[in-house]
Structures are given as C-alpha cells and as structure tokens.
Amino acid sequence: MLELADPPINSWLDLPPYLLQDLQRHTTVVAAPVQARIYSEGDLAGAVYLVERGEIRLHRHRPEREYTLAHLGAGEIFGEMALLEEAPATTTPR
C-alpha cells in the first residue's frame, strides 16, 4: 500500500482526496536495491513507477553502447508511456 510522505511529495499536493484514496487502493510499494533492473527494454508494461527517494537511471542498450536518457529523482514517474500505449518499454530503468 502507498504511504504518502509527510509532507506529501509535491506532485500529490494538487490531487483531490478521492483520487488519492483511489491511488492508494491501486498502489504497491516496492523497494528496489541499488543497481536493480526494474524491467527491461522490450518488456510489456505492467505498472507506472514513482521514485519516492533515491535516483533511477533510464537507459537504452544498442549494439555499440548503452545510452543514458535520463536520471530521475524523488517525485518523478516513469513507465507511464508503455502502459498508456500498451506497447513494449523503450527504456531500461536501473
């Protein structure tokens, strides 16, 4: 279950209470160890992820090298595009 930070992360401040309650019912908190691969490029989306603390690096693998696309921190989300489009993930977060 989602436990909202005290004070809540800024992105949650504008949500009405009924949406926060719905979000809590559909949220699972998962702790990922440092350097853990959360999903891989090409995987089908199963969730949207919120970085509660720490940092996530989104990257793509190509035969010649690995490209870092973004570093995300607390309050930022990732994985939403593949879920919305029902398409395979285009990045690998770690």
Protein backbone atom coordinates (compact mmCIF):
# COMPACT_ATOMS: atom_id res chain seq x y z
CA MET A 1 0.00 0.00 0.00
CA LEU A 2 1.19 3.51 -0.74
CA GLU A 3 2.19 5.53 2.27
CA LEU A 4 2.25 9.18 1.36
CA ALA A 5 5.21 11.14 2.61
CA ASP A 6 4.69 13.68 5.37
CA PRO A 7 4.58 16.27 3.93
CA PRO A 8 3.37 14.66 0.68
CA ILE A 9 5.55 14.73 -2.42
CA ASN A 10 4.78 17.94 -4.31
CA SER A 11 3.19 16.10 -7.25
CA TRP A 12 0.46 14.78 -4.92
CA LEU A 13 -0.49 18.16 -3.47
CA ASP A 14 -2.96 19.05 -6.22
CA LEU A 15 -4.85 15.75 -6.26
CA PRO A 16 -8.31 15.76 -4.69
CA PRO A 17 -8.77 13.39 -1.73
CA TYR A 18 -10.92 10.91 -3.68
CA LEU A 19 -8.13 10.44 -6.24
CA LEU A 20 -5.53 9.97 -3.51
CA GLN A 21 -7.72 7.27 -1.94
CA ASP A 22 -8.13 5.53 -5.30
CA LEU A 23 -4.40 5.76 -5.89
CA GLN A 24 -3.70 4.18 -2.50
CA ARG A 25 -6.02 1.25 -3.28
CA HIS A 26 -4.14 0.50 -6.51
CA THR A 27 -0.59 1.07 -5.34
CA THR A 28 2.07 -1.35 -4.18
CA VAL A 29 5.28 -0.09 -2.62
CA VAL A 30 8.38 -1.93 -3.78
CA ALA A 31 11.93 -1.24 -2.67
CA ALA A 32 14.50 -1.80 -5.40
CA PRO A 33 18.10 -2.49 -4.38
CA VAL A 34 20.85 -0.32 -5.85
CA GLN A 35 21.57 -1.30 -9.48
CA ALA A 36 18.44 -3.49 -9.65
CA ARG A 37 16.83 -3.77 -13.08
CA ILE A 38 13.14 -2.97 -12.63
CA TYR A 39 12.18 -4.00 -16.14
CA SER A 40 14.00 -4.29 -19.44
CA GLU A 41 13.63 -2.60 -22.78
CA GLY A 42 11.02 -4.57 -24.75
CA ASP A 43 9.08 -5.82 -21.70
CA LEU A 44 5.34 -5.23 -21.71
CA ALA A 45 4.31 -2.59 -19.19
CA GLY A 46 2.62 -3.69 -16.03
CA ALA A 47 2.88 -0.57 -13.86
CA VAL A 48 3.73 3.08 -13.58
CA TYR A 49 6.57 3.79 -11.17
CA LEU A 50 7.08 6.70 -8.77
CA VAL A 51 10.54 7.41 -7.38
CA GLU A 52 9.95 8.03 -3.69
CA ARG A 53 13.62 8.53 -2.82
CA GLY A 54 16.94 7.88 -4.46
CA GLU A 55 17.60 8.03 -8.17
CA ILE A 56 16.70 5.97 -11.23
CA ARG A 57 18.67 6.00 -14.47
CA LEU A 58 16.72 5.32 -17.68
CA HIS A 59 18.83 3.92 -20.47
CA ARG A 60 18.74 2.13 -23.82
CA HIS A 61 21.02 -0.64 -24.99
CA ARG A 62 22.36 -0.58 -28.52
CA PRO A 63 24.97 -2.93 -30.01
CA GLU A 64 27.62 -0.24 -29.98
CA ARG A 65 26.91 1.12 -26.48
CA GLU A 66 24.45 1.98 -23.71
CA TYR A 67 22.78 5.40 -23.80
CA THR A 68 21.60 7.15 -20.64
CA LEU A 69 18.40 9.04 -21.42
CA ALA A 70 17.52 10.48 -18.00
CA HIS A 71 18.24 10.49 -14.30
CA LEU A 72 15.04 10.71 -12.26
CA GLY A 73 14.75 11.61 -8.59
CA ALA A 74 12.15 11.79 -5.84
CA GLY A 75 8.66 12.70 -7.03
CA GLU A 76 9.26 11.73 -10.67
CA ILE A 77 7.48 8.94 -12.53
CA PHE A 78 8.49 6.54 -15.30
CA GLY A 79 6.98 3.65 -17.22
CA GLU A 80 3.78 5.52 -17.99
CA MET A 81 4.12 5.68 -21.78
CA ALA A 82 4.35 1.94 -22.35
CA LEU A 83 1.39 1.40 -20.03
CA LEU A 84 -0.74 4.07 -21.74
CA GLU A 85 0.12 2.89 -25.24
CA GLU A 86 0.06 -0.83 -24.39
CA ALA A 87 3.44 -1.11 -26.07
CA PRO A 88 6.76 -2.63 -25.01
CA ALA A 89 9.01 -0.49 -22.84
CA THR A 90 11.54 1.56 -24.75
CA THR A 91 13.99 2.03 -21.86
CA THR A 92 15.56 0.04 -19.04
CA PRO A 93 15.49 1.67 -15.60
CA ARG A 94 18.14 0.90 -13.06
